[in-house]
Amino acid sequence: MLNSLETALLCAEAADGKKAYNIEVLDLRGLTFIADYFVICSCDNTTQIGAVIDGIEESLAQAGIRALHIEGKNETNWVLMDIGDVVVHVFDEQTRAYYSIERLWGDAPRVLLPMQARTGKG
């Protein structure tokens, strides 16, 4: 069984594999009881949002994990996936800018993602 950080990183890698971008993992431990981590990413269109969610679900299933709830899967601009200690937000760029979750959780440390370490981005 994966811990919450490993689950968040698995989700981030799966999103990256489906070409999501601007991927961030916020460490919320000690800041709230809502979740340990938020995974936030952007997509260009609704088709890509669906592909990212499907890719994350596939990766989780391979690890023996199921999302507790997925909200907005039939929506066009924001899907929220509740995995217990990890919450994934998949946005279109305009909606992400509007809600600015990173700004709302500005005190949350950012987790360095393996793909950022490989490319030097971060």
Protein backbone atom coordinates (compact mmCIF):
# COMPACT_ATOMS: atom_id res chain seq x y z
CA MET A 1 0.00 0.00 0.00
CA LEU A 2 1.30 3.43 -0.92
CA ASN A 3 1.55 6.26 1.59
CA SER A 4 -0.06 9.61 0.78
CA LEU A 5 3.10 11.16 -0.70
CA GLU A 6 3.67 8.15 -2.94
CA THR A 7 0.04 8.33 -4.04
CA ALA A 8 0.35 12.04 -4.84
CA LEU A 9 3.53 11.43 -6.83
CA LEU A 10 1.88 8.55 -8.70
CA CYS A 11 -0.99 10.86 -9.67
CA ALA A 12 1.41 13.60 -10.77
CA GLU A 13 3.41 11.15 -12.91
CA ALA A 14 0.20 9.79 -14.47
CA ALA A 15 -0.97 13.33 -15.28
CA ASP A 16 2.42 14.10 -16.81
CA GLY A 17 2.14 10.94 -18.89
CA LYS A 18 -1.10 12.28 -20.39
CA LYS A 19 0.55 15.63 -21.19
CA ALA A 20 -0.98 17.67 -18.36
CA TYR A 21 1.23 20.64 -17.56
CA ASN A 22 2.03 23.07 -14.78
CA ILE A 23 1.77 20.14 -12.36
CA GLU A 24 2.16 20.98 -8.70
CA VAL A 25 1.89 18.93 -5.53
CA LEU A 26 1.10 20.96 -2.40
CA ASP A 27 2.01 19.52 1.00
CA LEU A 28 -0.97 20.35 3.22
CA ARG A 29 0.09 18.31 6.25
CA GLY A 30 -0.14 20.45 9.34
CA LEU A 31 -2.25 23.07 7.54
CA THR A 32 -5.60 21.29 7.24
CA PHE A 33 -7.34 18.00 7.89
CA ILE A 34 -8.89 17.99 4.39
CA ALA A 35 -5.98 16.12 2.79
CA ASP A 36 -2.25 15.57 3.10
CA TYR A 37 -1.58 16.60 -0.50
CA PHE A 38 -3.22 18.43 -3.38
CA VAL A 39 -2.14 17.53 -6.90
CA ILE A 40 -2.97 20.35 -9.31
CA CYS A 41 -2.52 20.34 -13.08
CA SER A 42 -3.71 22.05 -16.22
CA CYS A 43 -4.98 20.78 -19.57
CA ASP A 44 -5.71 22.43 -22.89
CA ASN A 45 -9.20 21.04 -23.47
CA THR A 46 -11.97 18.82 -22.15
CA THR A 47 -10.74 15.78 -24.05
CA GLN A 48 -7.36 16.06 -22.38
CA ILE A 49 -8.95 16.57 -18.95
CA GLY A 50 -10.82 13.29 -19.43
CA ALA A 51 -7.66 11.51 -20.60
CA VAL A 52 -5.72 12.76 -17.57
CA ILE A 53 -8.42 11.57 -15.16
CA ASP A 54 -8.57 8.19 -16.92
CA GLY A 55 -4.78 7.91 -16.80
CA ILE A 56 -4.70 8.68 -13.08
CA GLU A 57 -7.46 6.14 -12.43
CA GLU A 58 -5.51 3.49 -14.37
CA SER A 59 -2.31 4.16 -12.44
CA LEU A 60 -4.16 4.06 -9.14
CA ALA A 61 -5.90 0.79 -10.09
CA GLN A 62 -2.52 -0.80 -10.88
CA ALA A 63 -1.44 0.18 -7.35
CA GLY A 64 -4.65 -1.26 -5.88
CA ILE A 65 -6.16 2.15 -5.08
CA ARG A 66 -9.59 3.49 -6.01
CA ALA A 67 -10.74 7.07 -5.88
CA LEU A 68 -13.36 7.62 -3.20
CA HIS A 69 -15.19 10.16 -5.34
CA ILE A 70 -14.76 12.01 -8.62
CA GLU A 71 -16.59 15.31 -8.95
CA GLY A 72 -17.13 17.11 -12.23
CA LYS A 73 -16.18 14.28 -14.56
CA ASN A 74 -19.01 15.34 -16.86
CA GLU A 75 -18.07 19.01 -16.53
CA THR A 76 -15.83 20.84 -18.94
CA ASN A 77 -13.31 22.79 -16.90
CA TRP A 78 -12.49 21.25 -13.51
CA VAL A 79 -12.47 17.69 -12.25
CA LEU A 80 -11.74 16.90 -8.60
CA MET A 81 -10.65 13.41 -7.62
CA ASP A 82 -10.80 12.51 -3.91
CA ILE A 83 -8.39 9.70 -3.04
CA GLY A 84 -8.64 10.16 0.72
CA ASP A 85 -5.38 11.77 1.85
CA VAL A 86 -4.78 13.07 -1.68
CA VAL A 87 -7.05 15.34 -3.72
CA VAL A 88 -6.35 15.82 -7.43
CA HIS A 89 -7.55 18.93 -9.29
CA VAL A 90 -7.47 18.83 -13.09
CA PHE A 91 -8.30 22.22 -14.61
CA ASP A 92 -8.45 23.97 -17.91
CA GLU A 93 -6.04 26.91 -17.75
CA GLN A 94 -8.67 29.66 -17.46
CA THR A 95 -10.50 27.97 -14.59
CA ARG A 96 -7.26 27.25 -12.78
CA ALA A 97 -6.26 30.90 -13.01
CA TYR A 98 -9.69 31.99 -11.76
CA TYR A 99 -9.71 29.77 -8.66
CA SER A 100 -5.97 30.09 -8.01
CA ILE A 101 -5.77 27.24 -5.51
CA GLU A 102 -2.00 27.65 -5.22
CA ARG A 103 -2.51 31.22 -4.01
CA LEU A 104 -5.21 30.16 -1.53
CA TRP A 105 -2.82 27.56 -0.12
CA GLY A 106 0.23 29.82 -0.37
CA ASP A 107 1.64 28.55 2.94
CA ALA A 108 1.77 24.97 1.65
CA PRO A 109 5.22 23.77 0.64
CA ARG A 110 5.62 22.51 -2.92
CA VAL A 111 6.88 18.97 -3.45
CA LEU A 112 9.68 18.52 -5.97
CA LEU A 113 8.35 16.11 -8.58
CA PRO A 114 10.57 13.43 -10.10
CA MET A 115 9.88 14.68 -13.64
CA GLN A 116 10.88 18.23 -12.58
CA ALA A 117 14.13 16.92 -11.09
CA ARG A 118 14.88 15.10 -14.36
CA THR A 119 14.24 18.15 -16.52
CA GLY A 120 15.52 20.81 -14.14
CA LYS A 121 12.08 22.47 -14.04
CA GLY A 122 10.43 23.21 -10.78
